[in-house]
Amino acid sequence: MSSTAIQMRPLEYVQARLIKQSLGLSKHNTALLKALTIEKIEDIVNINVLSLYNRILIS
């Protein structure tokens, strides 16, 4: 597991917890959370980093 993935773990935990709370789900409904197909924070960060690199190189 990469260091980035390890750093994203707490953020993904908070994201899952907030989504479960907002939907009124218990702590043990991970399968339902996966069914929502919510993007992982790590994927979103990677996309934004690549976009930033692209904008820097184009400038």
PDB file of N, CA and C in Angstrom:
ATOM      1  N   MET A   1       0.859  -1.179   0.000  1.00  0.00           N
ATOM      2  CA  MET A   1       0.000   0.000   0.000  1.00  0.00           C
ATOM      3  C   MET A   1       0.898   1.233   0.000  1.00  0.00           C
ATOM      4  N   SER A   2       0.569   2.157  -0.869  1.00  0.00           N
ATOM      5  CA  SER A   2       1.389   3.358  -0.985  1.00  0.00           C
ATOM      6  C   SER A   2       1.145   4.296   0.192  1.00  0.00           C
ATOM      7  N   SER A   3       2.086   5.211   0.380  1.00  0.00           N
ATOM      8  CA  SER A   3       1.947   6.169   1.481  1.00  0.00           C
ATOM      9  C   SER A   3       0.744   7.081   1.259  1.00  0.00           C
ATOM     10  N   THR A   4       0.441   7.369  -0.009  1.00  0.00           N
ATOM     11  CA  THR A   4      -0.735   8.190  -0.304  1.00  0.00           C
ATOM     12  C   THR A   4      -2.007   7.484   0.140  1.00  0.00           C
ATOM     13  N   ALA A   5      -2.091   6.191  -0.127  1.00  0.00           N
ATOM     14  CA  ALA A   5      -3.270   5.421   0.283  1.00  0.00           C
ATOM     15  C   ALA A   5      -3.400   5.416   1.800  1.00  0.00           C
ATOM     16  N   ILE A   6      -2.288   5.303   2.489  1.00  0.00           N
ATOM     17  CA  ILE A   6      -2.303   5.316   3.957  1.00  0.00           C
ATOM     18  C   ILE A   6      -2.752   6.680   4.465  1.00  0.00           C
ATOM     19  N   GLN A   7      -2.325   7.742   3.802  1.00  0.00           N
ATOM     20  CA  GLN A   7      -2.715   9.089   4.211  1.00  0.00           C
ATOM     21  C   GLN A   7      -4.189   9.361   3.922  1.00  0.00           C
ATOM     22  N   MET A   8      -4.750   8.699   2.930  1.00  0.00           N
ATOM     23  CA  MET A   8      -6.146   8.916   2.555  1.00  0.00           C
ATOM     24  C   MET A   8      -7.113   8.131   3.440  1.00  0.00           C
ATOM     25  N   ARG A   9      -6.611   7.116   4.124  1.00  0.00           N
ATOM     26  CA  ARG A   9      -7.477   6.272   4.954  1.00  0.00           C
ATOM     27  C   ARG A   9      -8.344   7.048   5.932  1.00  0.00           C
ATOM     28  N   PRO A  10      -7.761   7.967   6.728  1.00  0.00           N
ATOM     29  CA  PRO A  10      -8.605   8.726   7.667  1.00  0.00           C
ATOM     30  C   PRO A  10      -9.682   9.548   6.956  1.00  0.00           C
ATOM     31  N   LEU A  11      -9.347  10.110   5.789  1.00  0.00           N
ATOM     32  CA  LEU A  11     -10.335  10.890   5.040  1.00  0.00           C
ATOM     33  C   LEU A  11     -11.466  10.002   4.533  1.00  0.00           C
ATOM     34  N   GLU A  12     -11.118   8.805   4.057  1.00  0.00           N
ATOM     35  CA  GLU A  12     -12.148   7.889   3.572  1.00  0.00           C
ATOM     36  C   GLU A  12     -13.026   7.409   4.721  1.00  0.00           C
ATOM     37  N   TYR A  13     -12.429   7.227   5.887  1.00  0.00           N
ATOM     38  CA  TYR A  13     -13.197   6.832   7.066  1.00  0.00           C
ATOM     39  C   TYR A  13     -14.216   7.914   7.421  1.00  0.00           C
ATOM     40  N   VAL A  14     -13.770   9.148   7.426  1.00  0.00           N
ATOM     41  CA  VAL A  14     -14.666  10.262   7.753  1.00  0.00           C
ATOM     42  C   VAL A  14     -15.746  10.395   6.680  1.00  0.00           C
ATOM     43  N   GLN A  15     -15.357  10.263   5.416  1.00  0.00           N
ATOM     44  CA  GLN A  15     -16.325  10.348   4.325  1.00  0.00           C
ATOM     45  C   GLN A  15     -17.416   9.287   4.507  1.00  0.00           C
ATOM     46  N   ALA A  16     -17.020   8.053   4.755  1.00  0.00           N
ATOM     47  CA  ALA A  16     -17.986   6.962   4.932  1.00  0.00           C
ATOM     48  C   ALA A  16     -18.886   7.225   6.134  1.00  0.00           C
ATOM     49  N   ARG A  17     -18.288   7.683   7.209  1.00  0.00           N
ATOM     50  CA  ARG A  17     -19.058   7.956   8.426  1.00  0.00           C
ATOM     51  C   ARG A  17     -20.100   9.051   8.201  1.00  0.00           C
ATOM     52  N   LEU A  18     -19.690  10.123   7.525  1.00  0.00           N
ATOM     53  CA  LEU A  18     -20.617  11.226   7.260  1.00  0.00           C
ATOM     54  C   LEU A  18     -21.758  10.803   6.332  1.00  0.00           C
ATOM     55  N   ILE A  19     -21.428  10.011   5.328  1.00  0.00           N
ATOM     56  CA  ILE A  19     -22.469   9.551   4.405  1.00  0.00           C
ATOM     57  C   ILE A  19     -23.448   8.639   5.132  1.00  0.00           C
ATOM     58  N   LYS A  20     -22.916   7.723   5.940  1.00  0.00           N
ATOM     59  CA  LYS A  20     -23.789   6.822   6.703  1.00  0.00           C
ATOM     60  C   LYS A  20     -24.683   7.611   7.656  1.00  0.00           C
ATOM     61  N   GLN A  21     -24.118   8.600   8.325  1.00  0.00           N
ATOM     62  CA  GLN A  21     -24.909   9.417   9.248  1.00  0.00           C
ATOM     63  C   GLN A  21     -25.987  10.197   8.507  1.00  0.00           C
ATOM     64  N   SER A  22     -25.635  10.770   7.373  1.00  0.00           N
ATOM     65  CA  SER A  22     -26.611  11.583   6.637  1.00  0.00           C
ATOM     66  C   SER A  22     -27.745  10.738   6.065  1.00  0.00           C
ATOM     67  N   LEU A  23     -27.467   9.454   5.779  1.00  0.00           N
ATOM     68  CA  LEU A  23     -28.503   8.566   5.252  1.00  0.00           C
ATOM     69  C   LEU A  23     -29.207   7.779   6.352  1.00  0.00           C
ATOM     70  N   GLY A  24     -28.761   7.958   7.587  1.00  0.00           N
ATOM     71  CA  GLY A  24     -29.373   7.252   8.708  1.00  0.00           C
ATOM     72  C   GLY A  24     -29.014   5.781   8.765  1.00  0.00           C
ATOM     73  N   LEU A  25     -27.859   5.421   8.211  1.00  0.00           N
ATOM     74  CA  LEU A  25     -27.419   4.024   8.223  1.00  0.00           C
ATOM     75  C   LEU A  25     -26.611   3.739   9.478  1.00  0.00           C
ATOM     76  N   SER A  26     -26.625   2.469   9.898  1.00  0.00           N
ATOM     77  CA  SER A  26     -25.804   2.093  11.047  1.00  0.00           C
ATOM     78  C   SER A  26     -24.348   1.978  10.608  1.00  0.00           C
ATOM     79  N   LYS A  27     -23.473   1.796  11.570  1.00  0.00           N
ATOM     80  CA  LYS A  27     -22.037   1.713  11.288  1.00  0.00           C
ATOM     81  C   LYS A  27     -21.679   0.494  10.441  1.00  0.00           C
ATOM     82  N   HIS A  28     -22.542  -0.508  10.437  1.00  0.00           N
ATOM     83  CA  HIS A  28     -22.198  -1.785   9.807  1.00  0.00           C
ATOM     84  C   HIS A  28     -22.888  -1.990   8.464  1.00  0.00           C
ATOM     85  N   ASN A  29     -23.146  -0.930   7.746  1.00  0.00           N
ATOM     86  CA  ASN A  29     -23.781  -1.018   6.431  1.00  0.00           C
ATOM     87  C   ASN A  29     -22.805  -0.689   5.316  1.00  0.00           C
ATOM     88  N   THR A  30     -21.617  -1.257   5.379  1.00  0.00           N
ATOM     89  CA  THR A  30     -20.594  -0.985   4.374  1.00  0.00           C
ATOM     90  C   THR A  30     -21.047  -1.444   2.993  1.00  0.00           C
ATOM     91  N   ALA A  31     -21.771  -2.561   2.923  1.00  0.00           N
ATOM     92  CA  ALA A  31     -22.246  -3.063   1.628  1.00  0.00           C
ATOM     93  C   ALA A  31     -23.183  -2.053   0.967  1.00  0.00           C
ATOM     94  N   LEU A  32     -24.058  -1.451   1.757  1.00  0.00           N
ATOM     95  CA  LEU A  32     -24.954  -0.428   1.203  1.00  0.00           C
ATOM     96  C   LEU A  32     -24.169   0.790   0.736  1.00  0.00           C
ATOM     97  N   LEU A  33     -23.142   1.138   1.479  1.00  0.00           N
ATOM     98  CA  LEU A  33     -22.310   2.281   1.104  1.00  0.00           C
ATOM     99  C   LEU A  33     -21.596   1.997  -0.219  1.00  0.00           C
ATOM    100  N   LYS A  34     -21.098   0.774  -0.391  1.00  0.00           N
ATOM    101  CA  LYS A  34     -20.442   0.403  -1.648  1.00  0.00           C
ATOM    102  C   LYS A  34     -21.426   0.438  -2.810  1.00  0.00           C
ATOM    103  N   ALA A  35     -22.675   0.084  -2.539  1.00  0.00           N
ATOM    104  CA  ALA A  35     -23.697   0.085  -3.588  1.00  0.00           C
ATOM    105  C   ALA A  35     -23.973   1.493  -4.114  1.00  0.00           C
ATOM    106  N   LEU A  36     -23.671   2.504  -3.323  1.00  0.00           N
ATOM    107  CA  LEU A  36     -23.870   3.889  -3.760  1.00  0.00           C
ATOM    108  C   LEU A  36     -22.827   4.317  -4.785  1.00  0.00           C
ATOM    109  N   THR A  37     -21.763   3.526  -4.934  1.00  0.00           N
ATOM    110  CA  THR A  37     -20.651   3.795  -5.861  1.00  0.00           C
ATOM    111  C   THR A  37     -20.129   5.225  -5.745  1.00  0.00           C
ATOM    112  N   ILE A  38     -19.803   5.603  -4.538  1.00  0.00           N
ATOM    113  CA  ILE A  38     -19.230   6.922  -4.275  1.00  0.00           C
ATOM    114  C   ILE A  38     -17.732   6.845  -4.553  1.00  0.00           C
ATOM    115  N   GLU A  39     -17.228   7.833  -5.272  1.00  0.00           N
ATOM    116  CA  GLU A  39     -15.803   7.846  -5.604  1.00  0.00           C
ATOM    117  C   GLU A  39     -14.944   7.924  -4.350  1.00  0.00           C
ATOM    118  N   LYS A  40     -13.835   7.188  -4.369  1.00  0.00           N
ATOM    119  CA  LYS A  40     -12.900   7.258  -3.251  1.00  0.00           C
ATOM    120  C   LYS A  40     -12.191   8.605  -3.271  1.00  0.00           C
ATOM    121  N   ILE A  41     -11.899   9.089  -2.089  1.00  0.00           N
ATOM    122  CA  ILE A  41     -11.209  10.375  -1.968  1.00  0.00           C
ATOM    123  C   ILE A  41      -9.854  10.315  -2.666  1.00  0.00           C
ATOM    124  N   GLU A  42      -9.171   9.188  -2.557  1.00  0.00           N
ATOM    125  CA  GLU A  42      -7.859   9.044  -3.197  1.00  0.00           C
ATOM    126  C   GLU A  42      -7.974   9.245  -4.711  1.00  0.00           C
ATOM    127  N   ASP A  43      -9.020   8.699  -5.322  1.00  0.00           N
ATOM    128  CA  ASP A  43      -9.215   8.859  -6.765  1.00  0.00           C
ATOM    129  C   ASP A  43      -9.482  10.319  -7.130  1.00  0.00           C
ATOM    130  N   ILE A  44     -10.293  10.982  -6.335  1.00  0.00           N
ATOM    131  CA  ILE A  44     -10.602  12.396  -6.584  1.00  0.00           C
ATOM    132  C   ILE A  44      -9.343  13.249  -6.464  1.00  0.00           C
ATOM    133  N   VAL A  45      -8.539  12.980  -5.437  1.00  0.00           N
ATOM    134  CA  VAL A  45      -7.293  13.730  -5.241  1.00  0.00           C
ATOM    135  C   VAL A  45      -6.351  13.482  -6.411  1.00  0.00           C
ATOM    136  N   ASN A  46      -6.225  12.231  -6.841  1.00  0.00           N
ATOM    137  CA  ASN A  46      -5.340  11.919  -7.968  1.00  0.00           C
ATOM    138  C   ASN A  46      -5.774  12.640  -9.239  1.00  0.00           C
ATOM    139  N   ILE A  47      -7.067  12.671  -9.500  1.00  0.00           N
ATOM    140  CA  ILE A  47      -7.577  13.374 -10.683  1.00  0.00           C
ATOM    141  C   ILE A  47      -7.258  14.865 -10.592  1.00  0.00           C
ATOM    142  N   ASN A  48      -7.469  15.445  -9.421  1.00  0.00           N
ATOM    143  CA  ASN A  48      -7.203  16.878  -9.247  1.00  0.00           C
ATOM    144  C   ASN A  48      -5.718  17.199  -9.339  1.00  0.00           C
ATOM    145  N   VAL A  49      -4.871  16.310  -8.844  1.00  0.00           N
ATOM    146  CA  VAL A  49      -3.419  16.523  -8.938  1.00  0.00           C
ATOM    147  C   VAL A  49      -2.985  16.476 -10.399  1.00  0.00           C
ATOM    148  N   LEU A  50      -3.491  15.501 -11.141  1.00  0.00           N
ATOM    149  CA  LEU A  50      -3.147  15.417 -12.562  1.00  0.00           C
ATOM    150  C   LEU A  50      -3.636  16.645 -13.324  1.00  0.00           C
ATOM    151  N   SER A  51      -4.809  17.121 -12.977  1.00  0.00           N
ATOM    152  CA  SER A  51      -5.342  18.325 -13.609  1.00  0.00           C
ATOM    153  C   SER A  51      -4.459  19.533 -13.304  1.00  0.00           C
ATOM    154  N   LEU A  52      -4.015  19.634 -12.063  1.00  0.00           N
ATOM    155  CA  LEU A  52      -3.141  20.739 -11.671  1.00  0.00           C
ATOM    156  C   LEU A  52      -1.807  20.669 -12.415  1.00  0.00           C
ATOM    157  N   TYR A  53      -1.211  19.467 -12.489  1.00  0.00           N
ATOM    158  CA  TYR A  53       0.038  19.304 -13.240  1.00  0.00           C
ATOM    159  C   TYR A  53      -0.156  19.733 -14.689  1.00  0.00           C
ATOM    160  N   ASN A  54      -1.267  19.330 -15.265  1.00  0.00           N
ATOM    161  CA  ASN A  54      -1.563  19.676 -16.647  1.00  0.00           C
ATOM    162  C   ASN A  54      -1.651  21.189 -16.821  1.00  0.00           C
ATOM    163  N   ARG A  55      -2.353  21.861 -15.917  1.00  0.00           N
ATOM    164  CA  ARG A  55      -2.484  23.323 -16.009  1.00  0.00           C
ATOM    165  C   ARG A  55      -1.136  24.015 -15.821  1.00  0.00           C
ATOM    166  N   ILE A  56      -0.295  23.468 -14.945  1.00  0.00           N
ATOM    167  CA  ILE A  56       1.029  24.065 -14.714  1.00  0.00           C
ATOM    168  C   ILE A  56       1.888  23.931 -15.963  1.00  0.00           C
ATOM    169  N   LEU A  57       1.851  22.758 -16.594  1.00  0.00           N
ATOM    170  CA  LEU A  57       2.682  22.524 -17.771  1.00  0.00           C
ATOM    171  C   LEU A  57       2.205  23.316 -18.982  1.00  0.00           C
ATOM    172  N   ILE A  58       0.920  23.579 -19.066  1.00  0.00           N
ATOM    173  CA  ILE A  58       0.377  24.340 -20.193  1.00  0.00           C
ATOM    174  C   ILE A  58       0.689  25.824 -20.051  1.00  0.00           C
ATOM    175  N   SER A  59       0.760  26.327 -18.836  1.00  0.00           N
ATOM    176  CA  SER A  59       0.992  27.764 -18.601  1.00  0.00           C
ATOM    177  C   SER A  59       2.335  28.212 -19.085  1.00  0.00           C
TER     178      SER A  59
END
